[in-house]
Amino acid sequence: MMSIIDTIITIGVFLLGMVLSVQLIAALYGIIDLWYTLRTVYLKVFGKITLWSGIVAAVFLALGESYRSAFLWGLGALVVFQIGTFLGMKLLTIRNIRLLEDERSEP
């Protein structure tokens, strides 16, 4: 049975996974954001991706066996949240466009 301290550490490791997932996703967005000038800043973009990937790997390897799953759940939870938010906004946008089109077509 987990003690209170183990539970708090597990929650902290989960949140750390989410924070590092944000940083890694932001580094990956650098490719899209700087696509127009990627030839001149590719070292910086790929350097950030390598840096954050290395930090994620180092934290994963440094964690004890009992906390690794919480860390991976934190990484994955944010990715699922990002995808869900994107799809939800897309559906909401489509719905609003249809409502606007219906309003315009009414006499």
N, C-alpha and C. Protein backbone atom coordinates (compact mmCIF):
# COMPACT_ATOMS: atom_id res chain seq x y z
N MET A 1 0.84 -1.19 0.00
CA MET A 1 0.00 0.00 0.00
C MET A 1 0.88 1.24 0.00
N MET A 2 0.48 2.23 -0.81
CA MET A 2 1.28 3.45 -0.93
C MET A 2 1.03 4.38 0.25
N SER A 3 2.10 5.00 0.70
CA SER A 3 1.95 5.98 1.77
C SER A 3 1.58 7.34 1.16
N ILE A 4 1.28 8.26 2.01
CA ILE A 4 0.91 9.61 1.55
C ILE A 4 2.07 10.25 0.78
N ILE A 5 3.28 10.06 1.26
CA ILE A 5 4.45 10.66 0.61
C ILE A 5 4.66 10.06 -0.77
N ASP A 6 4.50 8.75 -0.90
CA ASP A 6 4.62 8.11 -2.21
C ASP A 6 3.56 8.61 -3.18
N THR A 7 2.36 8.83 -2.67
CA THR A 7 1.28 9.35 -3.51
C THR A 7 1.60 10.75 -3.99
N ILE A 8 2.10 11.59 -3.11
CA ILE A 8 2.46 12.96 -3.47
C ILE A 8 3.59 12.96 -4.50
N ILE A 9 4.58 12.12 -4.30
CA ILE A 9 5.69 12.03 -5.26
C ILE A 9 5.19 11.53 -6.60
N THR A 10 4.29 10.55 -6.59
CA THR A 10 3.73 10.03 -7.84
C THR A 10 2.97 11.11 -8.59
N ILE A 11 2.19 11.90 -7.89
CA ILE A 11 1.46 13.01 -8.53
C ILE A 11 2.44 14.03 -9.08
N GLY A 12 3.50 14.32 -8.33
CA GLY A 12 4.52 15.26 -8.80
C GLY A 12 5.23 14.76 -10.05
N VAL A 13 5.53 13.48 -10.09
CA VAL A 13 6.19 12.89 -11.27
C VAL A 13 5.25 12.92 -12.46
N PHE A 14 3.97 12.66 -12.25
CA PHE A 14 2.96 12.76 -13.31
C PHE A 14 2.93 14.18 -13.87
N LEU A 15 2.90 15.17 -13.00
CA LEU A 15 2.88 16.57 -13.43
C LEU A 15 4.18 16.96 -14.13
N LEU A 16 5.30 16.43 -13.66
CA LEU A 16 6.58 16.67 -14.33
C LEU A 16 6.54 16.11 -15.75
N GLY A 17 5.95 14.95 -15.92
CA GLY A 17 5.79 14.38 -17.25
C GLY A 17 4.96 15.29 -18.15
N MET A 18 3.91 15.89 -17.59
CA MET A 18 3.09 16.80 -18.37
C MET A 18 3.87 18.05 -18.76
N VAL A 19 4.64 18.60 -17.84
CA VAL A 19 5.43 19.80 -18.12
C VAL A 19 6.47 19.52 -19.20
N LEU A 20 7.15 18.41 -19.08
CA LEU A 20 8.16 18.07 -20.09
C LEU A 20 7.52 17.75 -21.43
N SER A 21 6.31 17.23 -21.41
CA SER A 21 5.60 16.98 -22.66
C SER A 21 5.26 18.30 -23.35
N VAL A 22 4.87 19.30 -22.59
CA VAL A 22 4.61 20.64 -23.16
C VAL A 22 5.86 21.18 -23.83
N GLN A 23 7.00 21.06 -23.16
CA GLN A 23 8.24 21.58 -23.72
C GLN A 23 8.65 20.83 -24.98
N LEU A 24 8.49 19.54 -24.97
CA LEU A 24 8.85 18.73 -26.13
C LEU A 24 7.94 19.03 -27.31
N ILE A 25 6.64 19.17 -27.06
CA ILE A 25 5.71 19.52 -28.13
C ILE A 25 6.02 20.91 -28.67
N ALA A 26 6.35 21.85 -27.79
CA ALA A 26 6.71 23.20 -28.24
C ALA A 26 7.96 23.16 -29.12
N ALA A 27 8.93 22.35 -28.75
CA ALA A 27 10.13 22.22 -29.58
C ALA A 27 9.80 21.62 -30.94
N LEU A 28 8.88 20.66 -30.96
CA LEU A 28 8.48 20.05 -32.23
C LEU A 28 7.71 21.05 -33.11
N TYR A 29 6.94 21.93 -32.48
CA TYR A 29 6.24 22.96 -33.25
C TYR A 29 7.21 23.94 -33.90
N GLY A 30 8.44 23.98 -33.42
CA GLY A 30 9.44 24.85 -34.04
C GLY A 30 9.65 24.55 -35.51
N ILE A 31 9.51 23.29 -35.88
CA ILE A 31 9.65 22.92 -37.30
C ILE A 31 8.55 23.59 -38.11
N ILE A 32 7.33 23.57 -37.62
CA ILE A 32 6.21 24.18 -38.35
C ILE A 32 6.32 25.70 -38.30
N ASP A 33 6.62 26.25 -37.12
CA ASP A 33 6.67 27.70 -36.97
C ASP A 33 7.74 28.34 -37.82
N LEU A 34 8.87 27.68 -37.94
CA LEU A 34 10.00 28.28 -38.66
C LEU A 34 10.27 27.60 -40.00
N TRP A 35 9.25 27.01 -40.58
CA TRP A 35 9.41 26.28 -41.84
C TRP A 35 9.95 27.19 -42.94
N TYR A 36 9.51 28.43 -42.97
CA TYR A 36 9.91 29.35 -44.02
C TYR A 36 11.40 29.68 -43.97
N THR A 37 12.02 29.57 -42.84
CA THR A 37 13.43 29.90 -42.69
C THR A 37 14.22 28.75 -42.06
N LEU A 38 13.73 27.54 -42.26
CA LEU A 38 14.35 26.38 -41.62
C LEU A 38 15.80 26.18 -42.04
N ARG A 39 16.13 26.60 -43.25
CA ARG A 39 17.51 26.44 -43.71
C ARG A 39 18.51 27.21 -42.85
N THR A 40 18.08 28.34 -42.31
CA THR A 40 19.00 29.16 -41.53
C THR A 40 18.97 28.84 -40.04
N VAL A 41 17.88 28.27 -39.54
CA VAL A 41 17.77 28.03 -38.10
C VAL A 41 17.60 26.55 -37.76
N TYR A 42 17.91 25.67 -38.71
CA TYR A 42 17.67 24.25 -38.46
C TYR A 42 18.47 23.72 -37.27
N LEU A 43 19.68 24.25 -37.08
CA LEU A 43 20.48 23.78 -35.94
C LEU A 43 19.82 24.14 -34.62
N LYS A 44 19.27 25.33 -34.56
CA LYS A 44 18.60 25.77 -33.33
C LYS A 44 17.34 24.93 -33.08
N VAL A 45 16.53 24.73 -34.13
CA VAL A 45 15.29 23.97 -33.99
C VAL A 45 15.58 22.53 -33.59
N PHE A 46 16.46 21.87 -34.33
CA PHE A 46 16.75 20.47 -34.01
C PHE A 46 17.57 20.35 -32.73
N GLY A 47 18.30 21.39 -32.36
CA GLY A 47 18.99 21.39 -31.08
C GLY A 47 18.01 21.39 -29.91
N LYS A 48 16.94 22.20 -30.04
CA LYS A 48 15.93 22.22 -28.98
C LYS A 48 15.19 20.89 -28.89
N ILE A 49 14.89 20.30 -30.04
CA ILE A 49 14.22 18.99 -30.03
C ILE A 49 15.12 17.96 -29.36
N THR A 50 16.40 17.98 -29.71
CA THR A 50 17.35 17.04 -29.11
C THR A 50 17.50 17.29 -27.61
N LEU A 51 17.57 18.56 -27.22
CA LEU A 51 17.71 18.91 -25.80
C LEU A 51 16.53 18.39 -24.99
N TRP A 52 15.30 18.70 -25.42
CA TRP A 52 14.13 18.29 -24.65
C TRP A 52 13.92 16.79 -24.69
N SER A 53 14.25 16.16 -25.81
CA SER A 53 14.17 14.69 -25.87
C SER A 53 15.17 14.07 -24.91
N GLY A 54 16.35 14.65 -24.84
CA GLY A 54 17.37 14.16 -23.92
C GLY A 54 16.97 14.33 -22.47
N ILE A 55 16.35 15.49 -22.16
CA ILE A 55 15.89 15.72 -20.79
C ILE A 55 14.81 14.72 -20.41
N VAL A 56 13.88 14.47 -21.33
CA VAL A 56 12.81 13.50 -21.06
C VAL A 56 13.42 12.11 -20.83
N ALA A 57 14.37 11.73 -21.68
CA ALA A 57 15.01 10.41 -21.53
C ALA A 57 15.80 10.33 -20.23
N ALA A 58 16.51 11.40 -19.89
CA ALA A 58 17.31 11.39 -18.66
C ALA A 58 16.43 11.30 -17.42
N VAL A 59 15.33 12.04 -17.42
CA VAL A 59 14.41 11.96 -16.27
C VAL A 59 13.82 10.57 -16.17
N PHE A 60 13.43 10.01 -17.32
CA PHE A 60 12.85 8.66 -17.32
C PHE A 60 13.83 7.65 -16.75
N LEU A 61 15.08 7.73 -17.19
CA LEU A 61 16.08 6.78 -16.71
C LEU A 61 16.47 7.01 -15.26
N ALA A 62 16.38 8.28 -14.80
CA ALA A 62 16.75 8.59 -13.43
C ALA A 62 15.67 8.19 -12.42
N LEU A 63 14.44 8.11 -12.89
CA LEU A 63 13.36 7.75 -11.98
C LEU A 63 13.44 6.29 -11.58
N GLY A 64 12.95 6.03 -10.41
CA GLY A 64 12.87 4.65 -9.96
C GLY A 64 11.80 3.90 -10.73
N GLU A 65 11.89 2.61 -10.68
CA GLU A 65 10.97 1.75 -11.43
C GLU A 65 9.51 2.04 -11.07
N SER A 66 9.24 2.37 -9.83
CA SER A 66 7.86 2.57 -9.40
C SER A 66 7.27 3.89 -9.89
N TYR A 67 8.11 4.85 -10.29
CA TYR A 67 7.61 6.15 -10.73
C TYR A 67 7.61 6.33 -12.24
N ARG A 68 8.22 5.42 -12.96
CA ARG A 68 8.31 5.56 -14.42
C ARG A 68 6.94 5.54 -15.09
N SER A 69 6.05 4.70 -14.60
CA SER A 69 4.73 4.63 -15.23
C SER A 69 3.96 5.94 -15.03
N ALA A 70 4.08 6.56 -13.87
CA ALA A 70 3.42 7.84 -13.64
C ALA A 70 3.98 8.90 -14.58
N PHE A 71 5.28 8.88 -14.81
CA PHE A 71 5.92 9.83 -15.72
C PHE A 71 5.41 9.63 -17.15
N LEU A 72 5.34 8.38 -17.59
CA LEU A 72 4.84 8.10 -18.94
C LEU A 72 3.37 8.45 -19.08
N TRP A 73 2.58 8.23 -18.03
CA TRP A 73 1.18 8.63 -18.06
C TRP A 73 1.06 10.15 -18.18
N GLY A 74 1.95 10.88 -17.52
CA GLY A 74 1.94 12.33 -17.63
C GLY A 74 2.28 12.79 -19.04
N LEU A 75 3.29 12.15 -19.64
CA LEU A 75 3.65 12.49 -21.03
C LEU A 75 2.47 12.21 -21.97
N GLY A 76 1.89 11.04 -21.82
CA GLY A 76 0.80 10.65 -22.71
C GLY A 76 -0.48 11.42 -22.48
N ALA A 77 -0.77 11.76 -21.23
CA ALA A 77 -2.01 12.47 -20.92
C ALA A 77 -2.06 13.82 -21.61
N LEU A 78 -0.94 14.50 -21.64
CA LEU A 78 -0.94 15.81 -22.29
C LEU A 78 -1.10 15.68 -23.80
N VAL A 79 -0.50 14.67 -24.38
CA VAL A 79 -0.64 14.46 -25.83
C VAL A 79 -2.10 14.16 -26.16
N VAL A 80 -2.74 13.30 -25.38
CA VAL A 80 -4.16 12.99 -25.60
C VAL A 80 -5.01 14.24 -25.40
N PHE A 81 -4.69 15.04 -24.38
CA PHE A 81 -5.41 16.29 -24.15
C PHE A 81 -5.26 17.24 -25.33
N GLN A 82 -4.05 17.37 -25.86
CA GLN A 82 -3.81 18.26 -27.02
C GLN A 82 -4.62 17.80 -28.23
N ILE A 83 -4.60 16.52 -28.51
CA ILE A 83 -5.34 15.99 -29.67
C ILE A 83 -6.84 16.18 -29.46
N GLY A 84 -7.32 15.89 -28.26
CA GLY A 84 -8.74 16.07 -27.96
C GLY A 84 -9.17 17.52 -28.08
N THR A 85 -8.36 18.43 -27.60
CA THR A 85 -8.67 19.86 -27.71
C THR A 85 -8.70 20.29 -29.16
N PHE A 86 -7.75 19.83 -29.95
CA PHE A 86 -7.71 20.17 -31.37
C PHE A 86 -8.96 19.66 -32.08
N LEU A 87 -9.31 18.40 -31.86
CA LEU A 87 -10.49 17.84 -32.52
C LEU A 87 -11.78 18.50 -32.03
N GLY A 88 -11.85 18.79 -30.74
CA GLY A 88 -13.03 19.48 -30.21
C GLY A 88 -13.21 20.86 -30.81
N MET A 89 -12.13 21.61 -30.93
CA MET A 89 -12.23 22.93 -31.54
C MET A 89 -12.60 22.83 -33.01
N LYS A 90 -12.10 21.82 -33.68
CA LYS A 90 -12.44 21.63 -35.09
C LYS A 90 -13.93 21.34 -35.24
N LEU A 91 -14.48 20.46 -34.40
CA LEU A 91 -15.91 20.17 -34.45
C LEU A 91 -16.74 21.39 -34.11
N LEU A 92 -16.30 22.16 -33.12
CA LEU A 92 -17.02 23.36 -32.73
C LEU A 92 -17.01 24.39 -33.85
N THR A 93 -15.89 24.52 -34.53
CA THR A 93 -15.78 25.45 -35.64
C THR A 93 -16.70 25.04 -36.79
N ILE A 94 -16.72 23.76 -37.10
CA ILE A 94 -17.59 23.26 -38.17
C ILE A 94 -19.05 23.52 -37.82
N ARG A 95 -19.41 23.27 -36.55
CA ARG A 95 -20.78 23.50 -36.10
C ARG A 95 -21.14 24.97 -36.23
N ASN A 96 -20.26 25.86 -35.83
CA ASN A 96 -20.55 27.30 -35.90
C ASN A 96 -20.65 27.77 -37.34
N ILE A 97 -19.85 27.24 -38.23
CA ILE A 97 -19.95 27.60 -39.65
C ILE A 97 -21.29 27.17 -40.20
N ARG A 98 -21.75 25.98 -39.84
CA ARG A 98 -23.07 25.50 -40.30
C ARG A 98 -24.19 26.37 -39.76
N LEU A 99 -24.08 26.77 -38.49
CA LEU A 99 -25.11 27.65 -37.92
C LEU A 99 -25.14 28.99 -38.63
N LEU A 100 -23.99 29.54 -38.96
CA LEU A 100 -23.94 30.81 -39.69
C LEU A 100 -24.53 30.67 -41.08
N GLU A 101 -24.24 29.55 -41.73
CA GLU A 101 -24.80 29.32 -43.06
C GLU A 101 -26.32 29.17 -43.00
N ASP A 102 -26.83 28.52 -41.95
CA ASP A 102 -28.28 28.37 -41.79
C ASP A 102 -28.93 29.72 -41.55
N GLU A 103 -28.29 30.59 -40.77
CA GLU A 103 -28.84 31.93 -40.51
C GLU A 103 -28.88 32.75 -41.80
N ARG A 104 -27.88 32.65 -42.61
CA ARG A 104 -27.83 33.41 -43.86
C ARG A 104 -28.85 32.92 -44.87
N SER A 105 -29.16 31.63 -44.85
CA SER A 105 -30.10 31.08 -45.83
C SER A 105 -31.55 31.35 -45.47
N GLU A 106 -31.83 31.66 -44.20
CA GLU A 106 -33.20 31.97 -43.79
C GLU A 106 -33.61 33.35 -44.32
N PRO A 107 -34.87 33.48 -44.75
CA PRO A 107 -35.32 34.79 -45.30
C PRO A 107 -35.47 35.86 -44.26
